[in-house]
Amino acid sequence: MSDLVTYYGQTSRIDKLVEKYGNYLEKLDRETKLLLRIVLSTYVFMQQEPCSNYPVSKALEDVLYELIIPDSLPQDLLDVCNQLEGLTIDEAESLLEALQHQLRWGNAQSIKQ
């Protein structure tokens, strides 16, 4: 397995994300990746509804409302979510796989003391 984002799926939308944030999304910190994983999971879940028109921006809004995130929301998270509008379920799942690997084994894993 790899934490390289394009290992899990490659589309023009994912390519643009990689161009801006790096092949391993290394320009995003752990907190932003954790929040993005929550947003993408919510987005994928809501896409299961028949006739769903549930954009990434709505998933972000719902996640923020439920988590009661303080005003110190990472700007990168907002930028990434804007860039991902129109995301397909397959693209979201590809990003979720890459994020999971990065958060558990890769460049965004928790440092245990």
PDB file of N, CA and C in Angstrom:
ATOM      1  N   MET A   1       0.838  -1.174   0.000  1.00  0.00           N
ATOM      2  CA  MET A   1       0.000   0.000   0.000  1.00  0.00           C
ATOM      3  C   MET A   1       0.887   1.243   0.000  1.00  0.00           C
ATOM      4  N   SER A   2       0.318   2.322  -0.399  1.00  0.00           N
ATOM      5  CA  SER A   2       1.076   3.563  -0.528  1.00  0.00           C
ATOM      6  C   SER A   2       0.245   4.723  -0.004  1.00  0.00           C
ATOM      7  N   ASP A   3       0.936   5.750   0.448  1.00  0.00           N
ATOM      8  CA  ASP A   3       0.194   6.953   0.829  1.00  0.00           C
ATOM      9  C   ASP A   3       0.225   7.992  -0.288  1.00  0.00           C
ATOM     10  N   LEU A   4       0.762   7.613  -1.438  1.00  0.00           N
ATOM     11  CA  LEU A   4       0.748   8.448  -2.636  1.00  0.00           C
ATOM     12  C   LEU A   4      -0.704   8.570  -3.102  1.00  0.00           C
ATOM     13  N   VAL A   5      -1.203   9.767  -3.221  1.00  0.00           N
ATOM     14  CA  VAL A   5      -2.621   9.982  -3.522  1.00  0.00           C
ATOM     15  C   VAL A   5      -3.028   9.322  -4.834  1.00  0.00           C
ATOM     16  N   THR A   6      -2.232   9.463  -5.875  1.00  0.00           N
ATOM     17  CA  THR A   6      -2.609   8.928  -7.183  1.00  0.00           C
ATOM     18  C   THR A   6      -2.480   7.408  -7.265  1.00  0.00           C
ATOM     19  N   TYR A   7      -1.929   6.763  -6.259  1.00  0.00           N
ATOM     20  CA  TYR A   7      -1.879   5.297  -6.211  1.00  0.00           C
ATOM     21  C   TYR A   7      -3.294   4.734  -6.156  1.00  0.00           C
ATOM     22  N   TYR A   8      -4.189   5.430  -5.492  1.00  0.00           N
ATOM     23  CA  TYR A   8      -5.552   4.953  -5.272  1.00  0.00           C
ATOM     24  C   TYR A   8      -6.525   5.368  -6.365  1.00  0.00           C
ATOM     25  N   GLY A   9      -6.187   6.355  -7.132  1.00  0.00           N
ATOM     26  CA  GLY A   9      -7.047   6.818  -8.208  1.00  0.00           C
ATOM     27  C   GLY A   9      -6.486   8.093  -8.788  1.00  0.00           C
ATOM     28  N   GLN A  10      -6.618   8.233 -10.087  1.00  0.00           N
ATOM     29  CA  GLN A  10      -6.073   9.427 -10.722  1.00  0.00           C
ATOM     30  C   GLN A  10      -7.086   9.973 -11.713  1.00  0.00           C
ATOM     31  N   THR A  11      -7.509  11.202 -11.446  1.00  0.00           N
ATOM     32  CA  THR A  11      -8.404  11.923 -12.337  1.00  0.00           C
ATOM     33  C   THR A  11      -7.866  13.339 -12.445  1.00  0.00           C
ATOM     34  N   SER A  12      -8.416  14.114 -13.326  1.00  0.00           N
ATOM     35  CA  SER A  12      -7.940  15.496 -13.463  1.00  0.00           C
ATOM     36  C   SER A  12      -8.183  16.285 -12.175  1.00  0.00           C
ATOM     37  N   ARG A  13      -9.271  16.005 -11.473  1.00  0.00           N
ATOM     38  CA  ARG A  13      -9.562  16.698 -10.214  1.00  0.00           C
ATOM     39  C   ARG A  13      -8.518  16.331  -9.150  1.00  0.00           C
ATOM     40  N   ILE A  14      -8.186  15.061  -9.054  1.00  0.00           N
ATOM     41  CA  ILE A  14      -7.167  14.620  -8.095  1.00  0.00           C
ATOM     42  C   ILE A  14      -5.803  15.157  -8.501  1.00  0.00           C
ATOM     43  N   ASP A  15      -5.522  15.179  -9.804  1.00  0.00           N
ATOM     44  CA  ASP A  15      -4.247  15.741 -10.277  1.00  0.00           C
ATOM     45  C   ASP A  15      -4.092  17.205  -9.855  1.00  0.00           C
ATOM     46  N   LYS A  16      -5.166  17.980  -9.956  1.00  0.00           N
ATOM     47  CA  LYS A  16      -5.107  19.396  -9.548  1.00  0.00           C
ATOM     48  C   LYS A  16      -4.856  19.525  -8.049  1.00  0.00           C
ATOM     49  N   LEU A  17      -5.470  18.654  -7.277  1.00  0.00           N
ATOM     50  CA  LEU A  17      -5.258  18.659  -5.832  1.00  0.00           C
ATOM     51  C   LEU A  17      -3.795  18.344  -5.507  1.00  0.00           C
ATOM     52  N   VAL A  18      -3.250  17.354  -6.189  1.00  0.00           N
ATOM     53  CA  VAL A  18      -1.857  16.949  -5.991  1.00  0.00           C
ATOM     54  C   VAL A  18      -0.899  18.055  -6.430  1.00  0.00           C
ATOM     55  N   GLU A  19      -1.226  18.733  -7.519  1.00  0.00           N
ATOM     56  CA  GLU A  19      -0.378  19.846  -7.978  1.00  0.00           C
ATOM     57  C   GLU A  19      -0.260  20.923  -6.906  1.00  0.00           C
ATOM     58  N   LYS A  20      -1.359  21.187  -6.217  1.00  0.00           N
ATOM     59  CA  LYS A  20      -1.366  22.263  -5.225  1.00  0.00           C
ATOM     60  C   LYS A  20      -0.815  21.835  -3.861  1.00  0.00           C
ATOM     61  N   TYR A  21      -1.096  20.598  -3.442  1.00  0.00           N
ATOM     62  CA  TYR A  21      -0.761  20.170  -2.079  1.00  0.00           C
ATOM     63  C   TYR A  21       0.305  19.075  -2.002  1.00  0.00           C
ATOM     64  N   GLY A  22       0.817  18.622  -3.140  1.00  0.00           N
ATOM     65  CA  GLY A  22       1.879  17.620  -3.152  1.00  0.00           C
ATOM     66  C   GLY A  22       1.351  16.214  -3.403  1.00  0.00           C
ATOM     67  N   ASN A  23       2.236  15.334  -3.887  1.00  0.00           N
ATOM     68  CA  ASN A  23       1.862  13.959  -4.217  1.00  0.00           C
ATOM     69  C   ASN A  23       1.328  13.178  -3.022  1.00  0.00           C
ATOM     70  N   TYR A  24       1.735  13.577  -1.844  1.00  0.00           N
ATOM     71  CA  TYR A  24       1.296  12.936  -0.609  1.00  0.00           C
ATOM     72  C   TYR A  24       0.430  13.877   0.219  1.00  0.00           C
ATOM     73  N   LEU A  25      -0.038  14.937  -0.407  1.00  0.00           N
ATOM     74  CA  LEU A  25      -0.778  16.003   0.276  1.00  0.00           C
ATOM     75  C   LEU A  25       0.016  16.502   1.479  1.00  0.00           C
ATOM     76  N   GLU A  26       1.333  16.503   1.308  1.00  0.00           N
ATOM     77  CA  GLU A  26       2.236  16.863   2.409  1.00  0.00           C
ATOM     78  C   GLU A  26       2.125  18.318   2.843  1.00  0.00           C
ATOM     79  N   LYS A  27       1.501  19.153   2.030  1.00  0.00           N
ATOM     80  CA  LYS A  27       1.318  20.555   2.424  1.00  0.00           C
ATOM     81  C   LYS A  27       0.121  20.738   3.361  1.00  0.00           C
ATOM     82  N   LEU A  28      -0.628  19.662   3.582  1.00  0.00           N
ATOM     83  CA  LEU A  28      -1.744  19.692   4.530  1.00  0.00           C
ATOM     84  C   LEU A  28      -1.278  19.074   5.846  1.00  0.00           C
ATOM     85  N   ASP A  29      -1.623  19.698   6.957  1.00  0.00           N
ATOM     86  CA  ASP A  29      -1.225  19.144   8.254  1.00  0.00           C
ATOM     87  C   ASP A  29      -2.198  18.046   8.689  1.00  0.00           C
ATOM     88  N   ARG A  30      -1.848  17.366   9.766  1.00  0.00           N
ATOM     89  CA  ARG A  30      -2.644  16.240  10.259  1.00  0.00           C
ATOM     90  C   ARG A  30      -4.085  16.655  10.572  1.00  0.00           C
ATOM     91  N   GLU A  31      -4.264  17.781  11.243  1.00  0.00           N
ATOM     92  CA  GLU A  31      -5.609  18.238  11.597  1.00  0.00           C
ATOM     93  C   GLU A  31      -6.468  18.432  10.348  1.00  0.00           C
ATOM     94  N   THR A  32      -5.913  19.050   9.335  1.00  0.00           N
ATOM     95  CA  THR A  32      -6.662  19.283   8.098  1.00  0.00           C
ATOM     96  C   THR A  32      -7.016  17.960   7.433  1.00  0.00           C
ATOM     97  N   LYS A  33      -6.082  17.012   7.434  1.00  0.00           N
ATOM     98  CA  LYS A  33      -6.364  15.700   6.834  1.00  0.00           C
ATOM     99  C   LYS A  33      -7.446  14.954   7.616  1.00  0.00           C
ATOM    100  N   LEU A  34      -7.414  15.046   8.929  1.00  0.00           N
ATOM    101  CA  LEU A  34      -8.459  14.410   9.737  1.00  0.00           C
ATOM    102  C   LEU A  34      -9.831  15.014   9.433  1.00  0.00           C
ATOM    103  N   LEU A  35      -9.889  16.326   9.370  1.00  0.00           N
ATOM    104  CA  LEU A  35     -11.151  16.999   9.057  1.00  0.00           C
ATOM    105  C   LEU A  35     -11.611  16.682   7.637  1.00  0.00           C
ATOM    106  N   LEU A  36     -10.689  16.638   6.694  1.00  0.00           N
ATOM    107  CA  LEU A  36     -11.045  16.302   5.312  1.00  0.00           C
ATOM    108  C   LEU A  36     -11.598  14.886   5.240  1.00  0.00           C
ATOM    109  N   ARG A  37     -11.026  13.976   6.005  1.00  0.00           N
ATOM    110  CA  ARG A  37     -11.531  12.598   6.018  1.00  0.00           C
ATOM    111  C   ARG A  37     -12.976  12.561   6.518  1.00  0.00           C
ATOM    112  N   ILE A  38     -13.289  13.352   7.532  1.00  0.00           N
ATOM    113  CA  ILE A  38     -14.664  13.416   8.041  1.00  0.00           C
ATOM    114  C   ILE A  38     -15.603  13.987   6.979  1.00  0.00           C
ATOM    115  N   VAL A  39     -15.180  15.058   6.329  1.00  0.00           N
ATOM    116  CA  VAL A  39     -16.000  15.690   5.288  1.00  0.00           C
ATOM    117  C   VAL A  39     -16.256  14.709   4.145  1.00  0.00           C
ATOM    118  N   LEU A  40     -15.206  14.038   3.667  1.00  0.00           N
ATOM    119  CA  LEU A  40     -15.363  13.108   2.542  1.00  0.00           C
ATOM    120  C   LEU A  40     -16.220  11.903   2.931  1.00  0.00           C
ATOM    121  N   SER A  41     -16.076  11.411   4.149  1.00  0.00           N
ATOM    122  CA  SER A  41     -16.910  10.293   4.610  1.00  0.00           C
ATOM    123  C   SER A  41     -18.378  10.698   4.657  1.00  0.00           C
ATOM    124  N   THR A  42     -18.644  11.893   5.146  1.00  0.00           N
ATOM    125  CA  THR A  42     -20.015  12.411   5.184  1.00  0.00           C
ATOM    126  C   THR A  42     -20.563  12.548   3.766  1.00  0.00           C
ATOM    127  N   TYR A  43     -19.744  13.089   2.870  1.00  0.00           N
ATOM    128  CA  TYR A  43     -20.141  13.262   1.470  1.00  0.00           C
ATOM    129  C   TYR A  43     -20.504  11.910   0.842  1.00  0.00           C
ATOM    130  N   VAL A  44     -19.647  10.903   1.019  1.00  0.00           N
ATOM    131  CA  VAL A  44     -19.900   9.581   0.436  1.00  0.00           C
ATOM    132  C   VAL A  44     -21.171   8.976   1.031  1.00  0.00           C
ATOM    133  N   PHE A  45     -21.331   9.085   2.337  1.00  0.00           N
ATOM    134  CA  PHE A  45     -22.521   8.549   2.994  1.00  0.00           C
ATOM    135  C   PHE A  45     -23.792   9.174   2.424  1.00  0.00           C
ATOM    136  N   MET A  46     -23.799  10.484   2.285  1.00  0.00           N
ATOM    137  CA  MET A  46     -24.996  11.178   1.806  1.00  0.00           C
ATOM    138  C   MET A  46     -25.269  10.925   0.325  1.00  0.00           C
ATOM    139  N   GLN A  47     -24.272  10.517  -0.423  1.00  0.00           N
ATOM    140  CA  GLN A  47     -24.485  10.202  -1.835  1.00  0.00           C
ATOM    141  C   GLN A  47     -25.309   8.929  -2.011  1.00  0.00           C
ATOM    142  N   GLN A  48     -25.474   8.152  -0.956  1.00  0.00           N
ATOM    143  CA  GLN A  48     -26.254   6.920  -1.033  1.00  0.00           C
ATOM    144  C   GLN A  48     -27.753   7.193  -1.107  1.00  0.00           C
ATOM    145  N   GLU A  49     -28.157   8.404  -0.766  1.00  0.00           N
ATOM    146  CA  GLU A  49     -29.571   8.774  -0.830  1.00  0.00           C
ATOM    147  C   GLU A  49     -30.011   8.871  -2.292  1.00  0.00           C
ATOM    148  N   PRO A  50     -31.188   8.350  -2.618  1.00  0.00           N
ATOM    149  CA  PRO A  50     -31.675   8.461  -3.994  1.00  0.00           C
ATOM    150  C   PRO A  50     -31.822   9.934  -4.408  1.00  0.00           C
ATOM    151  N   CYS A  51     -31.463  10.214  -5.610  1.00  0.00           N
ATOM    152  CA  CYS A  51     -31.567  11.566  -6.167  1.00  0.00           C
ATOM    153  C   CYS A  51     -30.835  12.593  -5.303  1.00  0.00           C
ATOM    154  N   SER A  52     -29.725  12.204  -4.753  1.00  0.00           N
ATOM    155  CA  SER A  52     -28.979  13.099  -3.872  1.00  0.00           C
ATOM    156  C   SER A  52     -28.241  14.164  -4.668  1.00  0.00           C
ATOM    157  N   ASN A  53     -28.433  15.390  -4.257  1.00  0.00           N
ATOM    158  CA  ASN A  53     -27.663  16.510  -4.786  1.00  0.00           C
ATOM    159  C   ASN A  53     -26.988  17.141  -3.578  1.00  0.00           C
ATOM    160  N   TYR A  54     -25.961  16.476  -3.104  1.00  0.00           N
ATOM    161  CA  TYR A  54     -25.299  16.846  -1.850  1.00  0.00           C
ATOM    162  C   TYR A  54     -23.842  17.170  -2.161  1.00  0.00           C
ATOM    163  N   PRO A  55     -23.515  18.455  -2.316  1.00  0.00           N
ATOM    164  CA  PRO A  55     -22.149  18.832  -2.688  1.00  0.00           C
ATOM    165  C   PRO A  55     -21.174  18.739  -1.511  1.00  0.00           C
ATOM    166  N   VAL A  56     -19.901  18.749  -1.821  1.00  0.00           N
ATOM    167  CA  VAL A  56     -18.852  18.712  -0.805  1.00  0.00           C
ATOM    168  C   VAL A  56     -19.004  19.889   0.159  1.00  0.00           C
ATOM    169  N   SER A  57     -19.390  21.046  -0.355  1.00  0.00           N
ATOM    170  CA  SER A  57     -19.545  22.224   0.512  1.00  0.00           C
ATOM    171  C   SER A  57     -20.623  21.997   1.576  1.00  0.00           C
ATOM    172  N   LYS A  58     -21.675  21.266   1.244  1.00  0.00           N
ATOM    173  CA  LYS A  58     -22.728  20.950   2.218  1.00  0.00           C
ATOM    174  C   LYS A  58     -22.206  19.959   3.252  1.00  0.00           C
ATOM    175  N   ALA A  59     -21.397  18.997   2.815  1.00  0.00           N
ATOM    176  CA  ALA A  59     -20.787  18.051   3.759  1.00  0.00           C
ATOM    177  C   ALA A  59     -19.905  18.800   4.747  1.00  0.00           C
ATOM    178  N   LEU A  60     -19.128  19.758   4.247  1.00  0.00           N
ATOM    179  CA  LEU A  60     -18.274  20.568   5.118  1.00  0.00           C
ATOM    180  C   LEU A  60     -19.125  21.330   6.132  1.00  0.00           C
ATOM    181  N   GLU A  61     -20.185  21.952   5.649  1.00  0.00           N
ATOM    182  CA  GLU A  61     -21.078  22.721   6.528  1.00  0.00           C
ATOM    183  C   GLU A  61     -21.692  21.828   7.604  1.00  0.00           C
ATOM    184  N   ASP A  62     -22.163  20.641   7.208  1.00  0.00           N
ATOM    185  CA  ASP A  62     -22.779  19.722   8.161  1.00  0.00           C
ATOM    186  C   ASP A  62     -21.774  19.229   9.197  1.00  0.00           C
ATOM    187  N   VAL A  63     -20.573  18.919   8.750  1.00  0.00           N
ATOM    188  CA  VAL A  63     -19.532  18.455   9.672  1.00  0.00           C
ATOM    189  C   VAL A  63     -19.187  19.545  10.674  1.00  0.00           C
ATOM    190  N   LEU A  64     -19.030  20.757  10.206  1.00  0.00           N
ATOM    191  CA  LEU A  64     -18.685  21.860  11.099  1.00  0.00           C
ATOM    192  C   LEU A  64     -19.792  22.111  12.111  1.00  0.00           C
ATOM    193  N   TYR A  65     -21.029  22.007  11.665  1.00  0.00           N
ATOM    194  CA  TYR A  65     -22.169  22.217  12.555  1.00  0.00           C
ATOM    195  C   TYR A  65     -22.209  21.138  13.638  1.00  0.00           C
ATOM    196  N   GLU A  66     -22.002  19.886  13.225  1.00  0.00           N
ATOM    197  CA  GLU A  66     -22.066  18.772  14.171  1.00  0.00           C
ATOM    198  C   GLU A  66     -20.895  18.767  15.146  1.00  0.00           C
ATOM    199  N   LEU A  67     -19.718  19.112  14.675  1.00  0.00           N
ATOM    200  CA  LEU A  67     -18.531  19.073  15.529  1.00  0.00           C
ATOM    201  C   LEU A  67     -18.338  20.355  16.339  1.00  0.00           C
ATOM    202  N   ILE A  68     -19.072  21.380  15.974  1.00  0.00           N
ATOM    203  CA  ILE A  68     -18.926  22.692  16.610  1.00  0.00           C
ATOM    204  C   ILE A  68     -17.456  23.099  16.616  1.00  0.00           C
ATOM    205  N   ILE A  69     -16.894  23.131  15.427  1.00  0.00           N
ATOM    206  CA  ILE A  69     -15.500  23.507  15.243  1.00  0.00           C
ATOM    207  C   ILE A  69     -15.358  25.001  15.517  1.00  0.00           C
ATOM    208  N   PRO A  70     -14.318  25.376  16.240  1.00  0.00           N
ATOM    209  CA  PRO A  70     -14.108  26.808  16.487  1.00  0.00           C
ATOM    210  C   PRO A  70     -13.815  27.565  15.195  1.00  0.00           C
ATOM    211  N   ASP A  71     -13.797  28.863  15.310  1.00  0.00           N
ATOM    212  CA  ASP A  71     -13.566  29.706  14.136  1.00  0.00           C
ATOM    213  C   ASP A  71     -12.186  29.526  13.524  1.00  0.00           C
ATOM    214  N   SER A  72     -11.336  28.780  14.169  1.00  0.00           N
ATOM    215  CA  SER A  72      -9.976  28.595  13.673  1.00  0.00           C
ATOM    216  C   SER A  72      -9.883  27.445  12.674  1.00  0.00           C
ATOM    217  N   LEU A  73     -10.868  27.335  11.828  1.00  0.00           N
ATOM    218  CA  LEU A  73     -10.889  26.301  10.802  1.00  0.00           C
ATOM    219  C   LEU A  73      -9.733  26.509   9.837  1.00  0.00           C
ATOM    220  N   PRO A  74      -8.978  25.448   9.530  1.00  0.00           N
ATOM    221  CA  PRO A  74      -7.857  25.611   8.603  1.00  0.00           C
ATOM    222  C   PRO A  74      -8.319  26.121   7.228  1.00  0.00           C
ATOM    223  N   GLN A  75      -7.697  27.172   6.758  1.00  0.00           N
ATOM    224  CA  GLN A  75      -8.032  27.725   5.444  1.00  0.00           C
ATOM    225  C   GLN A  75      -7.817  26.684   4.351  1.00  0.00           C
ATOM    226  N   ASP A  76      -6.791  25.842   4.523  1.00  0.00           N
ATOM    227  CA  ASP A  76      -6.529  24.795   3.532  1.00  0.00           C
ATOM    228  C   ASP A  76      -7.723  23.861   3.374  1.00  0.00           C
ATOM    229  N   LEU A  77      -8.420  23.562   4.469  1.00  0.00           N
ATOM    230  CA  LEU A  77      -9.591  22.687   4.385  1.00  0.00           C
ATOM    231  C   LEU A  77     -10.670  23.327   3.520  1.00  0.00           C
ATOM    232  N   LEU A  78     -10.924  24.603   3.735  1.00  0.00           N
ATOM    233  CA  LEU A  78     -11.908  25.314   2.907  1.00  0.00           C
ATOM    234  C   LEU A  78     -11.486  25.315   1.446  1.00  0.00           C
ATOM    235  N   ASP A  79     -10.207  25.567   1.192  1.00  0.00           N
ATOM    236  CA  ASP A  79      -9.696  25.597  -0.182  1.00  0.00           C
ATOM    237  C   ASP A  79      -9.818  24.233  -0.853  1.00  0.00           C
ATOM    238  N   VAL A  80      -9.454  23.173  -0.120  1.00  0.00           N
ATOM    239  CA  VAL A  80      -9.545  21.819  -0.678  1.00  0.00           C
ATOM    240  C   VAL A  80     -11.000  21.487  -0.994  1.00  0.00           C
ATOM    241  N   CYS A  81     -11.904  21.772  -0.076  1.00  0.00           N
ATOM    242  CA  CYS A  81     -13.320  21.465  -0.305  1.00  0.00           C
ATOM    243  C   CYS A  81     -13.877  22.236  -1.497  1.00  0.00           C
ATOM    244  N   ASN A  82     -13.479  23.477  -1.657  1.00  0.00           N
ATOM    245  CA  ASN A  82     -13.895  24.239  -2.842  1.00  0.00           C
ATOM    246  C   ASN A  82     -13.371  23.595  -4.109  1.00  0.00           C
ATOM    247  N   GLN A  83     -12.144  23.132  -4.066  1.00  0.00           N
ATOM    248  CA  GLN A  83     -11.533  22.500  -5.235  1.00  0.00           C
ATOM    249  C   GLN A  83     -12.196  21.160  -5.561  1.00  0.00           C
ATOM    250  N   LEU A  84     -12.785  20.522  -4.569  1.00  0.00           N
ATOM    251  CA  LEU A  84     -13.375  19.200  -4.770  1.00  0.00           C
ATOM    252  C   LEU A  84     -14.857  19.231  -5.122  1.00  0.00           C
ATOM    253  N   GLU A  85     -15.445  20.403  -5.312  1.00  0.00           N
ATOM    254  CA  GLU A  85     -16.856  20.460  -5.717  1.00  0.00           C
ATOM    255  C   GLU A  85     -17.039  19.652  -7.001  1.00  0.00           C
ATOM    256  N   GLY A  86     -18.099  18.858  -7.039  1.00  0.00           N
ATOM    257  CA  GLY A  86     -18.368  18.015  -8.193  1.00  0.00           C
ATOM    258  C   GLY A  86     -17.671  16.667  -8.120  1.00  0.00           C
ATOM    259  N   LEU A  87     -17.062  16.380  -7.004  1.00  0.00           N
ATOM    260  CA  LEU A  87     -16.331  15.138  -6.773  1.00  0.00           C
ATOM    261  C   LEU A  87     -17.234  13.927  -6.987  1.00  0.00           C
ATOM    262  N   THR A  88     -16.701  12.888  -7.616  1.00  0.00           N
ATOM    263  CA  THR A  88     -17.449  11.638  -7.748  1.00  0.00           C
ATOM    264  C   THR A  88     -17.227  10.794  -6.497  1.00  0.00           C
ATOM    265  N   ILE A  89     -18.072   9.805  -6.307  1.00  0.00           N
ATOM    266  CA  ILE A  89     -17.899   8.896  -5.173  1.00  0.00           C
ATOM    267  C   ILE A  89     -16.570   8.163  -5.297  1.00  0.00           C
ATOM    268  N   ASP A  90     -16.218   7.722  -6.501  1.00  0.00           N
ATOM    269  CA  ASP A  90     -14.941   7.021  -6.697  1.00  0.00           C
ATOM    270  C   ASP A  90     -13.755   7.907  -6.336  1.00  0.00           C
ATOM    271  N   GLU A  91     -13.811   9.177  -6.724  1.00  0.00           N
ATOM    272  CA  GLU A  91     -12.728  10.102  -6.370  1.00  0.00           C
ATOM    273  C   GLU A  91     -12.655  10.290  -4.857  1.00  0.00           C
ATOM    274  N   ALA A  92     -13.811  10.430  -4.226  1.00  0.00           N
ATOM    275  CA  ALA A  92     -13.843  10.596  -2.771  1.00  0.00           C
ATOM    276  C   ALA A  92     -13.278   9.361  -2.075  1.00  0.00           C
ATOM    277  N   GLU A  93     -13.666   8.187  -2.536  1.00  0.00           N
ATOM    278  CA  GLU A  93     -13.159   6.941  -1.942  1.00  0.00           C
ATOM    279  C   GLU A  93     -11.649   6.817  -2.139  1.00  0.00           C
ATOM    280  N   SER A  94     -11.153   7.225  -3.296  1.00  0.00           N
ATOM    281  CA  SER A  94      -9.705   7.193  -3.550  1.00  0.00           C
ATOM    282  C   SER A  94      -8.967   8.100  -2.576  1.00  0.00           C
ATOM    283  N   LEU A  95      -9.494   9.296  -2.380  1.00  0.00           N
ATOM    284  CA  LEU A  95      -8.874  10.228  -1.436  1.00  0.00           C
ATOM    285  C   LEU A  95      -8.968   9.708  -0.004  1.00  0.00           C
ATOM    286  N   LEU A  96     -10.086   9.104   0.343  1.00  0.00           N
ATOM    287  CA  LEU A  96     -10.236   8.542   1.689  1.00  0.00           C
ATOM    288  C   LEU A  96      -9.207   7.445   1.954  1.00  0.00           C
ATOM    289  N   GLU A  97      -8.969   6.592   0.952  1.00  0.00           N
ATOM    290  CA  GLU A  97      -7.962   5.540   1.119  1.00  0.00           C
ATOM    291  C   GLU A  97      -6.578   6.130   1.329  1.00  0.00           C
ATOM    292  N   ALA A  98      -6.234   7.126   0.539  1.00  0.00           N
ATOM    293  CA  ALA A  98      -4.921   7.762   0.678  1.00  0.00           C
ATOM    294  C   ALA A  98      -4.798   8.452   2.036  1.00  0.00           C
ATOM    295  N   LEU A  99      -5.832   9.173   2.439  1.00  0.00           N
ATOM    296  CA  LEU A  99      -5.802   9.856   3.736  1.00  0.00           C
ATOM    297  C   LEU A  99      -5.676   8.860   4.882  1.00  0.00           C
ATOM    298  N   GLN A 100      -6.430   7.778   4.805  1.00  0.00           N
ATOM    299  CA  GLN A 100      -6.366   6.765   5.864  1.00  0.00           C
ATOM    300  C   GLN A 100      -4.946   6.231   5.996  1.00  0.00           C
ATOM    301  N   HIS A 101      -4.317   5.915   4.884  1.00  0.00           N
ATOM    302  CA  HIS A 101      -2.959   5.381   4.930  1.00  0.00           C
ATOM    303  C   HIS A 101      -1.983   6.421   5.474  1.00  0.00           C
ATOM    304  N   GLN A 102      -2.128   7.660   5.047  1.00  0.00           N
ATOM    305  CA  GLN A 102      -1.236   8.720   5.530  1.00  0.00           C
ATOM    306  C   GLN A 102      -1.405   8.949   7.029  1.00  0.00           C
ATOM    307  N   LEU A 103      -2.644   8.935   7.497  1.00  0.00           N
ATOM    308  CA  LEU A 103      -2.915   9.197   8.911  1.00  0.00           C
ATOM    309  C   LEU A 103      -2.479   8.035   9.803  1.00  0.00           C
ATOM    310  N   ARG A 104      -2.500   6.840   9.276  1.00  0.00           N
ATOM    311  CA  ARG A 104      -2.131   5.668  10.084  1.00  0.00           C
ATOM    312  C   ARG A 104      -0.652   5.325   9.962  1.00  0.00           C
ATOM    313  N   TRP A 105      -0.102   5.376   8.739  1.00  0.00           N
ATOM    314  CA  TRP A 105       1.252   4.886   8.504  1.00  0.00           C
ATOM    315  C   TRP A 105       2.186   5.911   7.878  1.00  0.00           C
ATOM    316  N   GLY A 106       1.652   6.938   7.281  1.00  0.00           N
ATOM    317  CA  GLY A 106       2.469   7.827   6.453  1.00  0.00           C
ATOM    318  C   GLY A 106       2.837   9.144   7.083  1.00  0.00           C
ATOM    319  N   ASN A 107       2.855  10.162   6.240  1.00  0.00           N
ATOM    320  CA  ASN A 107       3.384  11.474   6.617  1.00  0.00           C
ATOM    321  C   ASN A 107       2.508  12.254   7.592  1.00  0.00           C
ATOM    322  N   ALA A 108       1.340  11.745   7.949  1.00  0.00           N
ATOM    323  CA  ALA A 108       0.454  12.478   8.867  1.00  0.00           C
ATOM    324  C   ALA A 108       0.112  11.659  10.109  1.00  0.00           C
ATOM    325  N   GLN A 109       0.896  10.629  10.356  1.00  0.00           N
ATOM    326  CA  GLN A 109       0.576   9.795  11.516  1.00  0.00           C
ATOM    327  C   GLN A 109       0.817  10.536  12.822  1.00  0.00           C
ATOM    328  N   SER A 110       0.099  10.108  13.820  1.00  0.00           N
ATOM    329  CA  SER A 110       0.215  10.721  15.142  1.00  0.00           C
ATOM    330  C   SER A 110       1.551  10.333  15.761  1.00  0.00           C
ATOM    331  N   ILE A 111       2.191  11.297  16.372  1.00  0.00           N
ATOM    332  CA  ILE A 111       3.463  11.029  17.045  1.00  0.00           C
ATOM    333  C   ILE A 111       3.144  10.669  18.487  1.00  0.00           C
ATOM    334  N   LYS A 112       3.435   9.434  18.841  1.00  0.00           N
ATOM    335  CA  LYS A 112       3.146   8.961  20.199  1.00  0.00           C
ATOM    336  C   LYS A 112       4.363   9.185  21.074  1.00  0.00           C
ATOM    337  N   GLN A 113       4.110   9.674  22.258  1.00  0.00           N
ATOM    338  CA  GLN A 113       5.218   9.938  23.182  1.00  0.00           C
ATOM    339  C   GLN A 113       5.227   8.954  24.314  1.00  0.00           C
TER     340      GLN A 113
END
